[in-house]
Amino acid sequence: MKRELIKISDVSHSEKIRQLISESIKLHVPIEVKRAKKILQKIYDYLEIKKTAKSTDLKKYFEVRESCKNSVRYVELVAEKLITKQPLVCEW
């Protein structure tokens, strides 16, 4: 039900993707790159985004740590990135 609310919300596709990734992959828990790509592809398909998932796509939404153990590549989501439509402007 929460996924449906995210899908129909007025936020950008990027924000929807970030929220759904957060629901599917826990922070600070290494996950195989192959599995992360499958999860991301399911999210793209669910949101009807015609795009092929790549593990590097996760870097658009999260700070990521990559590792390799026994020839298996892992990715770990470290922190969410701030997603804005316009660049932030600081006035001093």
C-alpha atoms as a PDB file:
ATOM      1  CA  MET A   1       0.000   0.000   0.000  1.00  0.00           C
ATOM      2  CA  LYS A   2       2.833   2.405   0.813  1.00  0.00           C
ATOM      3  CA  ARG A   3       4.344   1.648  -2.607  1.00  0.00           C
ATOM      4  CA  GLU A   4       1.069   2.666  -4.262  1.00  0.00           C
ATOM      5  CA  LEU A   5       1.037   5.948  -2.328  1.00  0.00           C
ATOM      6  CA  ILE A   6       4.585   6.659  -3.479  1.00  0.00           C
ATOM      7  CA  LYS A   7       3.677   5.795  -7.071  1.00  0.00           C
ATOM      8  CA  ILE A   8       0.713   8.197  -7.219  1.00  0.00           C
ATOM      9  CA  SER A   9       2.367  11.017  -5.242  1.00  0.00           C
ATOM     10  CA  ASP A  10       3.181  14.372  -6.845  1.00  0.00           C
ATOM     11  CA  VAL A  11       6.922  14.140  -6.238  1.00  0.00           C
ATOM     12  CA  SER A  12       9.444  13.721  -9.055  1.00  0.00           C
ATOM     13  CA  HIS A  13      10.394  10.341 -10.522  1.00  0.00           C
ATOM     14  CA  SER A  14      13.806  10.695  -8.878  1.00  0.00           C
ATOM     15  CA  GLU A  15      12.229  11.124  -5.457  1.00  0.00           C
ATOM     16  CA  LYS A  16       9.878   8.174  -6.042  1.00  0.00           C
ATOM     17  CA  ILE A  17      12.824   5.994  -7.062  1.00  0.00           C
ATOM     18  CA  ARG A  18      14.817   7.075  -3.997  1.00  0.00           C
ATOM     19  CA  GLN A  19      11.885   6.333  -1.676  1.00  0.00           C
ATOM     20  CA  LEU A  20      11.281   2.903  -3.210  1.00  0.00           C
ATOM     21  CA  ILE A  21      14.983   2.018  -3.022  1.00  0.00           C
ATOM     22  CA  SER A  22      14.908   2.999   0.679  1.00  0.00           C
ATOM     23  CA  GLU A  23      11.972   0.635   1.168  1.00  0.00           C
ATOM     24  CA  SER A  24      13.785  -2.233  -0.586  1.00  0.00           C
ATOM     25  CA  ILE A  25      17.445  -1.936   0.435  1.00  0.00           C
ATOM     26  CA  LYS A  26      18.581  -1.182   3.983  1.00  0.00           C
ATOM     27  CA  LEU A  27      21.278   1.393   4.647  1.00  0.00           C
ATOM     28  CA  HIS A  28      24.696   0.093   5.747  1.00  0.00           C
ATOM     29  CA  VAL A  29      23.950  -3.479   4.664  1.00  0.00           C
ATOM     30  CA  PRO A  30      26.081  -4.796   1.773  1.00  0.00           C
ATOM     31  CA  ILE A  31      24.049  -6.363  -1.028  1.00  0.00           C
ATOM     32  CA  GLU A  32      25.258  -8.154  -4.149  1.00  0.00           C
ATOM     33  CA  VAL A  33      25.391  -5.827  -7.151  1.00  0.00           C
ATOM     34  CA  LYS A  34      23.402  -8.351  -9.180  1.00  0.00           C
ATOM     35  CA  ARG A  35      20.578  -8.306  -6.616  1.00  0.00           C
ATOM     36  CA  ALA A  36      20.649  -4.497  -6.338  1.00  0.00           C
ATOM     37  CA  LYS A  37      20.245  -4.212 -10.112  1.00  0.00           C
ATOM     38  CA  LYS A  38      17.248  -6.570 -10.048  1.00  0.00           C
ATOM     39  CA  ILE A  39      15.596  -4.513  -7.294  1.00  0.00           C
ATOM     40  CA  LEU A  40      16.227  -1.279  -9.179  1.00  0.00           C
ATOM     41  CA  GLN A  41      14.853  -2.780 -12.415  1.00  0.00           C
ATOM     42  CA  LYS A  42      11.673  -3.842 -10.593  1.00  0.00           C
ATOM     43  CA  ILE A  43      11.313  -0.266  -9.342  1.00  0.00           C
ATOM     44  CA  TYR A  44      11.759   1.133 -12.865  1.00  0.00           C
ATOM     45  CA  ASP A  45       9.202  -1.351 -14.198  1.00  0.00           C
ATOM     46  CA  TYR A  46       6.768  -0.569 -11.362  1.00  0.00           C
ATOM     47  CA  LEU A  47       6.983   3.154 -12.116  1.00  0.00           C
ATOM     48  CA  GLU A  48       6.735   2.394 -15.857  1.00  0.00           C
ATOM     49  CA  ILE A  49      10.139   3.920 -16.557  1.00  0.00           C
ATOM     50  CA  LYS A  50      11.603   2.476 -19.731  1.00  0.00           C
ATOM     51  CA  LYS A  51      15.206   2.205 -18.599  1.00  0.00           C
ATOM     52  CA  THR A  52      17.654  -0.599 -17.917  1.00  0.00           C
ATOM     53  CA  ALA A  53      18.937  -0.608 -14.344  1.00  0.00           C
ATOM     54  CA  LYS A  54      22.660  -0.287 -13.719  1.00  0.00           C
ATOM     55  CA  SER A  55      24.334  -0.489 -10.345  1.00  0.00           C
ATOM     56  CA  THR A  56      25.842   2.952 -10.957  1.00  0.00           C
ATOM     57  CA  ASP A  57      22.290   4.388 -11.032  1.00  0.00           C
ATOM     58  CA  LEU A  58      22.206   3.966  -7.258  1.00  0.00           C
ATOM     59  CA  LYS A  59      24.836   6.724  -7.006  1.00  0.00           C
ATOM     60  CA  LYS A  60      22.243   9.230  -8.246  1.00  0.00           C
ATOM     61  CA  TYR A  61      20.157   8.690  -5.124  1.00  0.00           C
ATOM     62  CA  PHE A  62      22.599   7.497  -2.426  1.00  0.00           C
ATOM     63  CA  GLU A  63      26.166   7.747  -1.264  1.00  0.00           C
ATOM     64  CA  VAL A  64      27.464   4.275  -2.098  1.00  0.00           C
ATOM     65  CA  ARG A  65      30.338   2.111  -0.879  1.00  0.00           C
ATOM     66  CA  GLU A  66      31.488  -0.659  -3.218  1.00  0.00           C
ATOM     67  CA  SER A  67      33.396  -3.783  -2.250  1.00  0.00           C
ATOM     68  CA  CYS A  68      34.365  -7.194  -3.547  1.00  0.00           C
ATOM     69  CA  LYS A  69      34.617 -10.467  -1.657  1.00  0.00           C
ATOM     70  CA  ASN A  70      35.437 -13.841  -3.228  1.00  0.00           C
ATOM     71  CA  SER A  71      34.993 -12.341  -6.725  1.00  0.00           C
ATOM     72  CA  VAL A  72      31.464 -11.148  -5.872  1.00  0.00           C
ATOM     73  CA  ARG A  73      30.786  -7.423  -6.125  1.00  0.00           C
ATOM     74  CA  TYR A  74      28.794  -5.754  -3.359  1.00  0.00           C
ATOM     75  CA  VAL A  75      27.241  -2.330  -2.956  1.00  0.00           C
ATOM     76  CA  GLU A  76      26.294  -0.665   0.320  1.00  0.00           C
ATOM     77  CA  LEU A  77      24.000   2.340   0.601  1.00  0.00           C
ATOM     78  CA  VAL A  78      25.645   4.728   3.051  1.00  0.00           C
ATOM     79  CA  ALA A  79      23.392   7.817   2.998  1.00  0.00           C
ATOM     80  CA  GLU A  80      20.575   9.349   0.976  1.00  0.00           C
ATOM     81  CA  LYS A  81      21.413  12.210  -1.358  1.00  0.00           C
ATOM     82  CA  LEU A  82      19.372  15.375  -1.444  1.00  0.00           C
ATOM     83  CA  ILE A  83      17.408  15.520  -4.684  1.00  0.00           C
ATOM     84  CA  THR A  84      16.466  18.977  -5.881  1.00  0.00           C
ATOM     85  CA  LYS A  85      14.877  20.221  -9.075  1.00  0.00           C
ATOM     86  CA  GLN A  86      16.926  23.423  -9.097  1.00  0.00           C
ATOM     87  CA  PRO A  87      20.485  24.046  -7.957  1.00  0.00           C
ATOM     88  CA  LEU A  88      20.813  25.355  -4.435  1.00  0.00           C
ATOM     89  CA  VAL A  89      21.829  29.006  -4.264  1.00  0.00           C
ATOM     90  CA  CYS A  90      23.491  30.414  -1.184  1.00  0.00           C
ATOM     91  CA  GLU A  91      23.317  34.140  -0.601  1.00  0.00           C
ATOM     92  CA  TRP A  92      25.641  35.611   1.989  1.00  0.00           C
END
